Protein backbone atom coordinates (compact mmCIF):
# COMPACT_ATOMS: atom_id res chain seq x y z
CA MET A 1 125.22 92.59 110.07
CA ASP A 2 122.09 94.62 110.75
CA THR A 3 119.74 93.40 113.41
CA GLU A 4 116.99 95.77 112.30
CA TYR A 5 113.87 94.27 110.83
CA ALA A 6 110.79 95.42 108.99
CA LEU A 7 107.68 93.74 110.36
CA SER A 8 104.26 93.48 108.77
CA THR A 9 101.23 91.54 110.05
CA ILE A 10 97.64 90.94 109.11
CA LYS A 11 95.14 89.19 111.34
CA ASN A 12 91.97 87.14 110.90
CA VAL A 13 92.27 86.50 107.17
CA LYS A 14 89.63 84.08 105.95
CA GLY A 15 91.16 80.77 104.89
CA SER A 16 92.95 77.70 106.12
CA PRO A 17 96.39 78.06 107.77
CA TYR A 18 97.45 74.64 106.46
CA LYS A 19 96.85 75.56 102.82
CA THR A 20 98.62 78.90 103.19
CA ARG A 21 101.66 77.23 104.76
CA LEU A 22 102.00 75.20 101.55
CA VAL A 23 102.46 78.46 99.65
CA VAL A 24 105.05 79.67 102.18
CA LYS A 25 107.05 76.44 101.79
CA ALA A 26 107.38 77.22 98.07
CA LEU A 27 108.95 80.59 98.96
CA LYS A 28 111.66 79.11 101.18
CA GLY A 29 115.13 80.19 100.08
CA LEU A 30 113.90 82.87 97.65
CA SER A 31 114.70 86.56 97.86
CA VAL A 32 111.85 88.99 98.47
CA ASP A 33 111.67 90.12 94.83
CA ASP A 34 111.60 86.53 93.57
CA ALA A 35 108.91 85.66 96.11
CA ILE A 36 106.66 88.50 94.94
CA THR A 37 107.12 87.38 91.32
CA THR A 38 106.33 83.78 92.25
CA LEU A 39 103.21 84.71 94.20
CA GLN A 40 101.74 86.47 91.17
CA PHE A 41 101.43 83.10 89.41
CA VAL A 42 100.41 80.87 92.33
CA ASN A 43 96.81 79.71 92.12
CA TYR A 44 95.96 79.69 95.84
CA LYS A 45 93.31 81.68 97.63
CA ASN A 46 95.59 83.53 100.06
CA ALA A 47 98.60 84.01 97.76
CA TYR A 48 97.43 87.53 96.88
CA THR A 49 96.99 88.43 100.56
CA LEU A 50 100.46 87.08 101.36
CA MET A 51 101.91 89.13 98.50
CA LYS A 52 100.27 92.30 99.88
CA VAL A 53 101.78 91.69 103.34
CA ILE A 54 105.24 91.14 101.81
CA LYS A 55 104.96 94.35 99.77
CA ASN A 56 103.89 96.20 102.91
CA ALA A 57 106.97 94.89 104.75
CA VAL A 58 109.17 96.07 101.86
CA ASN A 59 107.67 99.56 102.09
CA ILE A 60 108.30 99.60 105.85
CA ALA A 61 111.91 98.52 105.21
CA LYS A 62 112.34 101.42 102.78
CA GLN A 63 110.98 103.84 105.36
CA LYS A 64 113.48 102.51 107.91
CA ASN A 65 116.27 102.97 105.32
CA LEU A 66 117.31 99.31 105.30
CA LYS A 67 119.73 98.37 102.53
CA GLU A 68 118.60 96.31 99.58
CA PRO A 69 118.50 93.38 98.68
CA TYR A 70 115.97 92.23 101.24
CA GLN A 71 115.77 88.73 102.67
CA PHE A 72 113.15 87.02 104.76
CA ALA A 73 114.00 86.75 108.42
CA GLU A 74 110.70 85.05 109.22
CA ILE A 75 107.37 84.21 107.61
CA ARG A 76 104.87 82.84 110.07
CA ILE A 77 101.34 81.61 109.43
CA ASP A 78 99.45 81.22 112.69
CA LYS A 79 95.97 80.01 113.44
CA GLY A 80 93.45 82.80 113.90
CA ARG A 81 90.01 82.60 115.37
CA THR A 82 87.65 79.83 114.32
CA LEU A 83 83.98 80.52 113.79
CA LYS A 84 81.70 77.59 114.63
CA ARG A 85 78.57 77.23 112.53
CA LEU A 86 75.89 74.56 112.39
CA ARG A 87 75.04 72.61 109.28
CA TYR A 88 71.65 71.06 109.59
CA GLY A 89 70.96 67.60 108.23
CA SER A 90 68.04 65.30 107.85
CA LYS A 91 66.10 63.73 110.74
CA GLY A 92 67.07 66.50 113.17
CA ASN A 93 70.83 65.96 112.91
CA ALA A 94 73.34 68.79 112.84
CA SER A 95 77.10 68.92 112.45
CA VAL A 96 79.58 71.65 113.32
CA LEU A 97 81.39 73.55 110.55
CA SER A 98 84.66 75.27 111.44
CA LYS A 99 85.27 78.43 109.43
CA ARG A 100 88.97 79.00 109.97
CA SER A 101 91.03 82.16 109.79
CA LEU A 102 94.75 82.85 109.97
CA ASN A 103 97.30 85.45 111.01
CA ILE A 104 100.25 86.28 108.73
CA LEU A 105 103.55 87.73 110.03
CA VAL A 106 106.37 88.72 107.67
CA LYS A 107 109.73 89.90 108.97
CA ILE A 108 112.30 91.25 106.49
CA LYS A 109 115.98 92.04 107.03
CA SER A 110 118.53 93.63 104.77
CA GLY A 111 120.71 91.15 102.95
């Protein structure tokens, strides 16, 4: 069994890590081709970004001459930086808004 992997990452994507992890849970157990097909029809904000990272990992795997079919070794959605902004209210009040970002890591192995 090959221990070589194709790795693709993207950092500081605007969006919530929790909501993107819900999309990744739907991909569990699927092959890479099935996951790309599924992501085309998912109505989530970061599904398109996740699909681009997976396609990038597939291209890297082809450059490394890994054998098809490809399987996921790891898909990780980590918390990125959080921007803190103020939302002003009435009577001099203000509350803090957290604008979240996330980091996506996709690792592919030959199946």
